[in-house]
Protein backbone atom coordinates (compact mmCIF):
# COMPACT_ATOMS: atom_id res chain seq x y z
CA MET A 1 0.06 -0.12 -0.33
CA GLY A 2 2.90 2.23 0.94
CA GLY A 3 3.93 1.91 -2.84
CA VAL A 4 0.46 2.32 -4.24
CA ALA A 5 0.67 5.54 -2.27
CA ALA A 6 4.21 5.93 -3.93
CA LEU A 7 2.72 6.01 -7.50
CA ALA A 8 -0.34 8.41 -7.04
CA ARG A 9 2.12 10.46 -5.57
CA GLU A 10 4.39 10.61 -9.29
CA LEU A 11 0.61 10.80 -11.29
CA GLY A 12 0.06 14.06 -9.51
CA PHE A 13 -2.23 12.81 -7.47
CA HIS A 14 -2.33 14.58 -3.65
CA VAL A 15 -2.02 10.83 -1.36
CA THR A 16 -3.05 11.07 2.27
CA GLY A 17 -3.28 7.83 4.24
CA TRP A 18 -4.06 6.31 7.91
CA ASP A 19 -2.56 3.30 9.10
CA ALA A 20 -2.29 1.60 13.24
CA ASN A 21 1.60 1.61 12.94
CA VAL A 22 4.05 2.64 10.34
CA TYR A 23 7.70 2.10 10.65
CA PRO A 24 10.40 2.09 8.80
CA PRO A 25 11.85 2.17 5.51
CA MET A 26 8.68 2.32 4.18
CA SER A 27 7.34 5.69 6.90
CA THR A 28 10.08 7.38 5.82
CA GLN A 29 10.50 7.12 2.41
CA LEU A 30 6.58 8.29 2.58
CA GLU A 31 7.66 11.30 4.80
CA LYS A 32 10.13 12.09 1.91
CA LEU A 33 7.43 12.42 -0.48
CA GLY A 34 5.06 14.38 1.10
CA ILE A 35 2.60 11.77 1.69
CA GLU A 36 1.04 12.52 5.11
CA LEU A 37 0.15 10.16 7.86
CA THR A 38 -2.39 9.78 10.07
CA SER A 39 -2.88 6.19 13.02
CA SER A 40 -5.91 8.97 14.51
CA LEU A 41 -9.53 7.24 13.85
CA SER A 42 -11.03 10.60 13.72
CA THR A 43 -13.94 10.85 10.33
CA GLU A 44 -12.15 14.19 10.04
CA GLN A 45 -9.56 13.01 8.04
CA LEU A 46 -12.07 12.08 5.39
CA GLU A 47 -13.42 15.40 4.73
CA PRO A 48 -13.94 16.83 2.50
CA ALA A 49 -14.31 13.89 0.68
CA PRO A 50 -11.42 12.66 -1.16
CA ASP A 51 -12.07 11.33 -5.24
CA LEU A 52 -10.64 7.88 -4.05
CA VAL A 53 -10.42 5.85 -0.67
CA ILE A 54 -7.72 3.25 -1.66
CA ILE A 55 -8.67 0.19 0.96
CA GLY A 56 -5.91 -2.88 1.94
CA ASN A 57 -6.87 -5.54 2.72
CA ALA A 58 -5.41 -5.68 6.54
CA MET A 59 -8.28 -2.77 6.61
CA SER A 60 -11.88 -4.96 7.56
CA ARG A 61 -15.64 -4.49 8.35
CA GLY A 62 -16.05 -2.53 11.92
CA HIS A 63 -12.95 -0.53 11.25
CA PRO A 64 -14.64 2.89 12.26
CA LEU A 65 -12.80 4.57 8.94
CA VAL A 66 -13.99 1.21 6.61
CA GLU A 67 -17.59 2.33 8.10
CA TYR A 68 -17.31 5.60 7.53
CA VAL A 69 -16.67 5.37 3.75
CA LEU A 70 -19.50 2.81 3.34
CA GLU A 71 -21.95 5.35 5.08
CA GLN A 72 -20.76 8.02 3.42
CA GLY A 73 -21.50 6.68 0.01
CA MET A 74 -16.95 7.76 -1.17
CA PRO A 75 -15.73 5.80 -3.84
CA PHE A 76 -13.43 3.47 -2.92
CA GLN A 77 -11.09 0.72 -4.34
CA SER A 78 -8.28 -2.35 -3.86
CA GLY A 79 -5.08 -1.08 -4.06
CA PRO A 80 -4.90 -3.48 -6.49
CA GLU A 81 -7.42 -2.75 -9.01
CA TRP A 82 -6.39 0.78 -8.78
CA LEU A 83 -2.85 -0.61 -9.94
CA GLY A 84 -3.83 -2.62 -12.81
CA ASN A 85 -6.86 -0.22 -14.53
CA ASN A 86 -4.68 3.05 -13.91
CA LEU A 87 -1.42 2.20 -14.47
CA LEU A 88 -0.89 -2.24 -15.31
CA ARG A 89 -3.06 -2.42 -18.65
CA HIS A 90 -1.04 0.00 -20.16
CA LYS A 91 2.95 -1.39 -19.46
CA HIS A 92 4.32 -4.40 -20.65
CA VAL A 93 4.08 -6.24 -17.04
CA LEU A 94 6.46 -8.52 -15.53
CA ALA A 95 5.33 -10.04 -12.12
CA VAL A 96 6.94 -12.26 -10.28
CA ALA A 97 5.20 -15.01 -7.89
CA GLY A 98 6.11 -17.56 -5.43
CA THR A 99 5.56 -18.45 -2.11
CA HIS A 100 9.25 -17.44 -1.65
CA GLY A 101 11.84 -14.93 -2.52
CA LYS A 102 9.05 -12.31 -4.86
CA THR A 103 10.81 -9.57 -3.35
CA THR A 104 14.56 -9.87 -3.95
CA THR A 105 14.14 -12.05 -7.81
CA ALA A 106 11.44 -8.21 -8.16
CA SER A 107 14.39 -6.69 -6.77
CA MET A 108 16.68 -8.16 -9.23
CA LEU A 109 14.92 -7.99 -12.16
CA THR A 110 13.86 -4.35 -11.05
CA PHE A 111 18.28 -3.75 -10.76
CA ILE A 112 18.59 -6.15 -14.56
CA LEU A 113 16.27 -3.65 -16.36
CA GLU A 114 17.86 -0.45 -14.80
CA GLN A 115 21.14 -1.34 -15.54
CA ALA A 116 20.34 -2.99 -19.33
CA GLY A 117 19.07 0.74 -19.90
CA LEU A 118 15.31 0.46 -19.95
CA ASN A 119 14.08 2.38 -16.92
CA PRO A 120 11.28 0.57 -15.87
CA SER A 121 8.78 1.34 -13.35
CA PHE A 122 8.46 -0.89 -10.52
CA LEU A 123 6.38 -1.76 -7.47
CA VAL A 124 8.09 -4.18 -5.10
CA GLY A 125 7.06 -5.35 -1.46
CA GLY A 126 10.73 -3.70 -0.31
CA VAL A 127 13.46 -0.61 -1.04
CA VAL A 128 15.22 -1.64 -3.51
CA LYS A 129 18.70 -0.70 -3.88
CA PRO A 130 20.18 1.71 -5.56
CA PHE A 131 16.70 3.47 -5.97
CA GLY A 132 16.19 4.12 -2.18
CA GLN A 133 12.79 3.17 -3.12
CA THR A 134 9.61 0.66 -3.18
CA ALA A 135 8.06 2.00 -6.15
CA ARG A 136 8.44 4.46 -8.70
CA LEU A 137 6.70 5.38 -11.86
CA THR A 138 9.01 6.14 -16.22
CA ASP A 139 7.84 6.62 -19.20
CA SER A 140 9.27 3.30 -19.82
CA ASP A 141 6.70 0.20 -21.14
CA TYR A 142 8.10 -1.99 -18.69
CA PHE A 143 7.12 -2.87 -15.13
CA VAL A 144 8.07 -4.76 -12.73
CA ILE A 145 5.91 -6.15 -9.95
CA GLU A 146 5.65 -8.09 -7.35
CA ALA A 147 3.19 -10.43 -7.36
CA ASP A 148 1.17 -11.78 -4.37
CA GLU A 149 -1.41 -14.16 -4.01
CA TYR A 150 -2.86 -12.63 -0.77
CA ASP A 151 -5.53 -11.60 -1.03
CA THR A 152 -6.67 -8.81 -2.78
CA ALA A 153 -8.76 -6.51 0.53
CA PHE A 154 -12.17 -7.57 2.83
CA PHE A 155 -14.52 -6.90 -0.17
CA ASP A 156 -12.17 -8.78 -2.74
CA LYS A 157 -11.30 -12.40 -1.99
CA ARG A 158 -9.43 -12.87 -5.35
CA SER A 159 -5.25 -12.72 -4.87
CA LYS A 160 -4.11 -9.94 -6.13
CA PHE A 161 -2.27 -10.41 -8.75
CA LEU A 162 -5.44 -11.07 -10.62
CA HIS A 163 -5.62 -7.70 -11.01
CA TYR A 164 -2.18 -6.99 -12.98
CA TYR A 165 -2.22 -7.90 -16.35
CA PRO A 166 0.96 -9.70 -16.63
CA ASN A 167 2.66 -10.15 -20.04
CA VAL A 168 5.76 -12.36 -17.77
CA PHE A 169 4.06 -14.06 -15.06
CA THR A 170 7.30 -15.80 -13.26
CA ILE A 171 6.50 -18.68 -10.24
CA ASN A 172 9.82 -19.82 -8.56
CA ASN A 173 8.33 -22.22 -6.26
CA LEU A 174 5.23 -23.18 -4.74
CA GLU A 175 3.87 -23.99 -0.73
CA PHE A 176 1.03 -23.51 1.15
CA ASP A 177 1.05 -19.89 3.06
CA HIS A 178 -1.23 -17.70 4.20
CA ALA A 179 -3.73 -19.93 6.30
CA ASP A 180 -5.31 -17.21 7.52
CA ILE A 181 -6.60 -16.77 3.57
CA PHE A 182 -6.81 -20.25 1.78
CA ALA A 183 -7.99 -23.14 3.21
CA ASP A 184 -4.79 -26.02 1.43
CA LEU A 185 -2.40 -26.14 -1.01
CA ASN A 186 -5.00 -26.45 -3.54
CA ALA A 187 -7.29 -22.93 -3.29
CA ILE A 188 -3.58 -21.49 -3.77
CA GLN A 189 -2.88 -22.79 -7.26
CA THR A 190 -6.45 -22.06 -8.36
CA GLN A 191 -5.06 -18.56 -7.63
CA PHE A 192 -2.47 -19.20 -9.92
CA ALA A 193 -4.11 -21.03 -12.70
CA HIS A 194 -6.34 -17.66 -12.68
CA GLY A 195 -3.66 -16.07 -13.24
CA ILE A 196 -1.88 -17.90 -15.53
CA ARG A 197 -5.49 -17.54 -17.93
CA LEU A 198 -4.70 -13.91 -18.23
CA VAL A 199 -1.22 -14.17 -19.92
CA PRO A 200 -1.95 -12.93 -23.61
CA GLY A 201 -1.01 -15.67 -26.30
CA SER A 202 2.11 -13.63 -26.61
CA GLY A 203 3.43 -13.55 -23.26
CA SER A 204 5.36 -15.94 -21.08
CA ILE A 205 4.97 -18.01 -18.46
CA LEU A 206 7.96 -18.48 -16.81
CA ALA A 207 7.83 -21.54 -14.11
CA ALA A 208 10.12 -24.48 -11.86
CA THR A 209 8.47 -27.23 -13.29
CA ALA A 210 10.79 -29.68 -11.50
CA GLU A 211 8.51 -28.70 -8.59
CA PRO A 212 5.08 -30.80 -7.61
CA ALA A 213 2.93 -28.00 -6.61
CA ILE A 214 3.69 -26.49 -9.59
CA ASP A 215 2.94 -28.64 -12.61
CA ASN A 216 -0.23 -29.19 -11.22
CA ILE A 217 -1.57 -25.65 -12.03
CA LEU A 218 0.31 -26.35 -15.59
CA GLN A 219 -1.57 -29.25 -15.93
CA ARG A 220 -5.28 -27.12 -15.26
CA GLY A 221 -3.93 -25.37 -18.42
CA TYR A 222 -1.43 -22.04 -20.15
CA TRP A 223 -2.18 -20.49 -23.09
CA SER A 224 1.49 -18.62 -23.53
CA LYS A 225 4.65 -20.02 -24.11
CA LEU A 226 6.61 -22.21 -21.56
CA VAL A 227 9.43 -21.11 -20.54
CA PRO A 228 11.09 -24.18 -17.97
CA LEU A 229 13.39 -23.34 -14.95
CA ASN A 230 15.73 -25.89 -13.40
CA ASN A 231 15.53 -27.83 -16.48
CA GLU A 232 18.67 -29.66 -18.73
CA SER A 233 16.64 -27.98 -22.14
CA SER A 234 16.00 -24.70 -20.73
CA TRP A 235 17.31 -22.22 -17.60
CA SER A 236 19.67 -23.70 -15.00
CA VAL A 237 23.02 -23.05 -12.39
CA ALA A 238 26.24 -25.08 -12.36
CA ASP A 239 28.92 -24.84 -11.20
CA ASN A 240 28.14 -23.61 -7.74
CA THR A 241 29.83 -23.34 -4.40
CA LYS A 242 28.30 -24.49 -1.53
CA ASP A 243 27.05 -21.02 -0.21
CA GLY A 244 25.82 -19.64 -2.93
CA SER A 245 27.88 -17.04 -3.51
CA SER A 246 29.70 -18.38 -7.04
CA PHE A 247 28.05 -19.76 -9.96
CA SER A 248 27.41 -20.30 -13.48
CA VAL A 249 24.24 -19.76 -15.34
CA LEU A 250 23.42 -22.43 -18.28
CA TYR A 251 20.95 -22.12 -20.83
CA ALA A 252 20.42 -25.37 -22.80
CA GLY A 253 22.90 -27.48 -21.24
CA HIS A 254 25.24 -24.47 -22.68
CA CYS A 255 27.02 -21.83 -19.93
CA VAL A 256 25.16 -18.21 -20.66
CA GLY A 257 26.85 -15.68 -17.70
CA HIS A 258 28.69 -16.29 -14.53
CA ILE A 259 27.65 -14.88 -10.87
CA GLU A 260 29.80 -13.70 -8.01
CA TRP A 261 28.30 -11.92 -5.89
CA SER A 262 27.68 -10.97 -1.60
CA LEU A 263 24.34 -12.78 -1.59
CA LEU A 264 24.21 -16.22 -0.52
CA GLY A 265 22.01 -19.56 -0.44
CA GLU A 266 20.63 -21.94 -3.10
CA HIS A 267 17.52 -19.63 -2.86
CA ASN A 268 18.84 -16.82 -3.54
CA MET A 269 21.01 -19.12 -6.72
CA GLN A 270 17.05 -19.64 -7.81
CA ASN A 271 16.15 -16.19 -8.13
CA ALA A 272 18.63 -15.09 -9.86
CA LEU A 273 18.00 -18.11 -12.75
CA ILE A 274 13.90 -16.97 -12.92
CA ALA A 275 15.20 -12.70 -13.12
CA ILE A 276 17.93 -13.88 -15.80
CA ALA A 277 15.20 -15.80 -17.48
CA ALA A 278 12.45 -13.10 -17.27
CA ALA A 279 14.75 -10.28 -18.26
CA ASP A 280 15.52 -12.70 -21.05
CA GLN A 281 11.76 -12.72 -22.57
CA VAL A 282 12.29 -9.13 -23.24
CA GLY A 283 15.50 -8.70 -25.50
CA VAL A 284 18.27 -8.50 -22.71
CA PRO A 285 20.66 -11.09 -22.44
CA ALA A 286 21.80 -13.70 -20.27
CA ALA A 287 25.57 -12.94 -20.27
CA ILE A 288 24.76 -9.19 -19.67
CA ALA A 289 22.09 -9.97 -16.70
CA CYS A 290 24.95 -12.38 -15.25
CA THR A 291 27.34 -9.22 -15.38
CA ILE A 292 24.83 -6.82 -14.06
CA LEU A 293 24.05 -9.22 -10.97
CA ASN A 294 27.90 -9.27 -9.84
CA GLU A 295 26.73 -5.56 -8.50
CA PHE A 296 23.60 -6.84 -7.23
CA GLU A 297 22.70 -6.07 -3.26
CA ALA A 298 19.67 -7.30 -1.86
CA PRO A 299 16.87 -5.24 -0.68
CA ALA A 300 16.67 -3.89 2.49
CA ARG A 301 15.03 -6.41 5.02
CA ARG A 302 16.81 -9.45 2.99
CA MET A 303 19.38 -10.48 4.99
CA GLU A 304 20.41 -7.42 5.55
CA LEU A 305 24.12 -5.94 7.69
CA LEU A 306 23.06 -3.61 10.03
CA GLY A 307 26.66 -3.52 11.25
CA VAL A 308 29.10 -4.91 13.04
CA HIS A 309 29.84 -3.90 16.90
CA ASN A 310 32.25 -5.95 19.33
CA HIS A 311 32.74 -9.07 17.27
CA VAL A 312 28.71 -9.21 16.67
CA HIS A 313 27.46 -9.12 13.22
CA ILE A 314 23.26 -7.70 13.29
CA TYR A 315 21.66 -9.18 10.57
CA ASP A 316 17.69 -8.75 9.48
CA ASP A 317 16.03 -11.14 7.54
CA PHE A 318 12.44 -10.72 6.12
CA ALA A 319 11.14 -14.29 7.64
CA HIS A 320 7.43 -15.70 7.25
CA HIS A 321 7.77 -19.75 6.35
CA PRO A 322 10.19 -21.98 7.15
CA THR A 323 11.84 -22.90 4.18
CA ALA A 324 12.74 -19.33 4.07
CA ILE A 325 14.30 -19.52 7.28
CA ALA A 326 16.49 -22.74 6.76
CA THR A 327 17.26 -21.73 3.68
CA THR A 328 18.80 -18.47 4.64
CA LEU A 329 20.35 -20.00 8.21
CA HIS A 330 21.77 -22.45 5.63
CA GLY A 331 23.61 -20.21 3.43
CA LEU A 332 24.77 -18.42 6.30
CA ARG A 333 26.61 -21.87 8.00
CA GLU A 334 28.07 -22.55 4.83
CA LYS A 335 29.06 -19.39 4.84
CA VAL A 336 30.85 -18.76 8.02
CA GLY A 337 32.03 -22.36 8.46
CA ALA A 338 31.34 -24.47 11.48
CA GLY A 339 32.99 -22.79 13.78
CA SER A 340 31.25 -19.60 14.06
CA ARG A 341 28.27 -19.15 16.14
CA ILE A 342 24.86 -18.27 14.34
CA VAL A 343 21.71 -17.00 16.64
CA ALA A 344 18.77 -17.25 15.01
CA ILE A 345 16.50 -13.95 16.81
CA PHE A 346 12.46 -14.92 15.85
CA GLU A 347 9.31 -13.38 15.78
CA PRO A 348 6.62 -15.66 14.62
CA ARG A 349 4.60 -12.93 12.81
CA SER A 350 2.36 -14.00 10.30
CA ASN A 351 -0.69 -15.08 10.55
CA THR A 352 -0.22 -18.09 9.08
CA MET A 353 2.62 -18.91 11.90
CA LYS A 354 0.36 -17.60 14.39
CA ALA A 355 -2.13 -20.11 13.73
CA GLY A 356 0.82 -22.54 14.58
CA VAL A 357 0.31 -24.50 11.12
CA HIS A 358 3.74 -24.93 10.32
CA GLY A 359 4.10 -27.13 13.21
CA ASP A 360 7.78 -29.34 12.89
CA SER A 361 8.96 -27.58 10.40
CA LEU A 362 8.88 -24.64 12.10
CA MET A 363 11.44 -26.34 14.65
CA GLN A 364 12.98 -27.47 12.01
CA ALA A 365 13.70 -24.52 10.03
CA PHE A 366 16.31 -23.11 12.81
CA GLU A 367 18.43 -26.35 12.33
CA GLN A 368 22.01 -24.47 11.47
CA ALA A 369 21.13 -22.09 14.31
CA ASP A 370 23.52 -22.68 17.43
CA ARG A 371 21.03 -20.69 20.01
CA VAL A 372 17.50 -19.40 19.14
CA TYR A 373 16.32 -16.41 21.22
CA ALA A 374 11.93 -16.60 20.13
CA LEU A 375 9.31 -14.28 20.93
CA GLN A 376 6.51 -16.37 22.05
CA PRO A 377 3.23 -14.14 20.09
CA ALA A 378 0.33 -13.46 22.72
CA ASP A 379 -3.20 -15.11 21.81
CA ALA A 380 -1.90 -17.11 19.37
CA ALA A 381 -2.74 -20.73 19.17
CA LEU A 382 0.87 -21.91 18.44
CA SER A 383 3.01 -22.82 21.21
CA LEU A 384 6.74 -22.20 21.17
CA ALA A 385 7.19 -24.01 24.86
CA SER A 386 7.97 -27.29 23.01
CA ALA A 387 10.71 -26.04 21.18
CA LYS A 388 13.14 -26.38 23.66
CA GLN A 389 12.88 -30.05 23.45
CA GLN A 390 13.80 -29.69 20.02
CA GLY A 391 16.81 -28.32 20.80
CA ASP A 392 18.72 -25.04 22.24
CA TRP A 393 15.81 -22.21 23.07
CA VAL A 394 15.19 -19.58 24.77
CA VAL A 395 11.52 -18.46 24.50
CA ALA A 396 10.11 -15.12 26.19
CA THR A 397 6.78 -13.15 25.94
CA SER A 398 8.07 -9.91 25.51
CA VAL A 399 10.70 -8.06 23.44
CA GLU A 400 12.67 -6.19 26.90
CA ALA A 401 12.79 -9.54 28.12
CA LEU A 402 14.14 -11.46 25.40
CA VAL A 403 16.86 -8.54 25.01
CA GLU A 404 17.78 -8.71 28.57
CA ARG A 405 18.12 -13.14 28.04
CA ILE A 406 20.43 -12.36 25.30
CA LEU A 407 22.44 -9.61 25.80
CA ALA A 408 23.24 -11.83 29.77
CA GLU A 409 24.29 -14.56 27.35
CA GLU A 410 25.46 -13.92 24.00
CA GLY A 411 29.47 -12.67 25.07
CA GLN A 412 31.19 -13.72 22.00
CA PRO A 413 31.51 -13.52 18.50
CA GLY A 414 29.53 -14.92 16.03
CA HIS A 415 25.93 -13.68 13.61
CA TRP A 416 22.85 -12.57 14.66
CA VAL A 417 19.50 -13.14 11.94
CA ILE A 418 16.91 -10.84 13.34
CA MET A 419 14.08 -12.95 11.77
CA SER A 420 10.31 -11.28 11.03
CA ASN A 421 8.14 -9.47 8.93
CA GLY A 422 7.47 -7.39 11.09
CA GLY A 423 9.01 -3.95 13.70
CA PHE A 424 9.86 -6.86 16.16
CA GLY A 425 9.39 -4.40 18.86
CA GLY A 426 12.06 -2.22 17.66
CA ILE A 427 14.71 -5.03 18.94
CA HIS A 428 17.05 -4.43 16.00
CA GLN A 429 18.03 -1.00 17.29
CA GLN A 430 17.58 -2.03 21.04
CA LEU A 431 20.46 -4.82 20.32
CA LEU A 432 22.79 -2.53 18.07
CA ASN A 433 22.54 0.63 20.43
CA ALA A 434 23.62 -2.23 23.15
CA LEU A 435 26.39 -3.80 21.65
CA GLN A 436 27.63 -0.18 20.21
CA THR A 437 27.80 0.28 24.34
CA GLN A 438 29.92 -2.53 24.98
CA GLU A 439 32.36 -1.84 22.41
CA LYS A 440 32.76 1.86 23.62
CA LEU A 441 33.20 0.08 27.06
CA HIS A 442 35.94 -2.13 25.83
CA ASP A 443 37.24 0.06 23.90
CA GLU A 444 38.34 2.25 26.74
């Protein structure tokens, strides 16, 4: 929604917004754009009546502002609907979908197209480096968008990407997620099958065809060119180091480029592969795309190194699913080696996690961490009490208690990975400040 607000501002609209909790980097980005934000529930913010109210999918019936909009008969739309009708119908859209890696892959694709001179518009769920933005609008024909399968609004339960009219539709992976919206994996697959139906015959579908969950979707029918990934006749990777920091890209078994970069893990190699294949669909040769990705920086909150203090590396990672947690920690372990200490600091914040849907797979995802400090969410079905029997876990019911335990018990060098798809009560800055203080005291 912050990205939609930024795009509306670039179109020349006067934009204001309400949210219960806006935090960096989105809050600072919107402030720079001159978009006024409020957390007040006063209906005065809707007086005089705006030309249009765009309602995010976190808003529901019973919310005072939603009820006021309905009572007053104000015109309203969802963010995806507004975006599709006002911008995407007029662009060549490259939509990046899948359970994991959407933000990183869309950022890679945007970076490739930018460096190749195509000047793309984009809307991504994280701050895209080096732009320092989550969204921008240009006069280019190309628009890169992170295509989320989550529902559109309280009045439209279809996946967001069904409003995006893609010319290139990528599916990197598919697992069960969003248990608050979907009953099972089949329900998610149905939405993806509908998304494929929107791709024109001249368009492309890029999919990891070795995955049964994705093959199930394709078997329901497609009418566009299929570009398989991890396929000997098409795109694949080879000659990779264990940590994923170096690998070759193949097309039809022939090397078309090599990447050496700062990113880690099998998942990021797959993200790169789909970004390279998508860029190829709009005329960027793979060799050029690989050279460009050598300089790529991950978007904010994707294993972002926040600082190194007192011999401790602190990372911020937007973890929201066991598979993403496992691959991230595995990549870090391969880089730092068995002798380095890895500490995971974890907030199960998504509705799916709090519902306890992932069960034992959530605990197993942390196998590469030497210790896990976890926040037990209040009023959630998920209980982390059993985690202590499955490994070295410390569970607390408040951020304050968690910080106290971490600082008291972690007195050695290591790598601390803060894993949450929310603000985590400001724990990032609390730990950074504490380590900076310890470092100063040690130097004195």
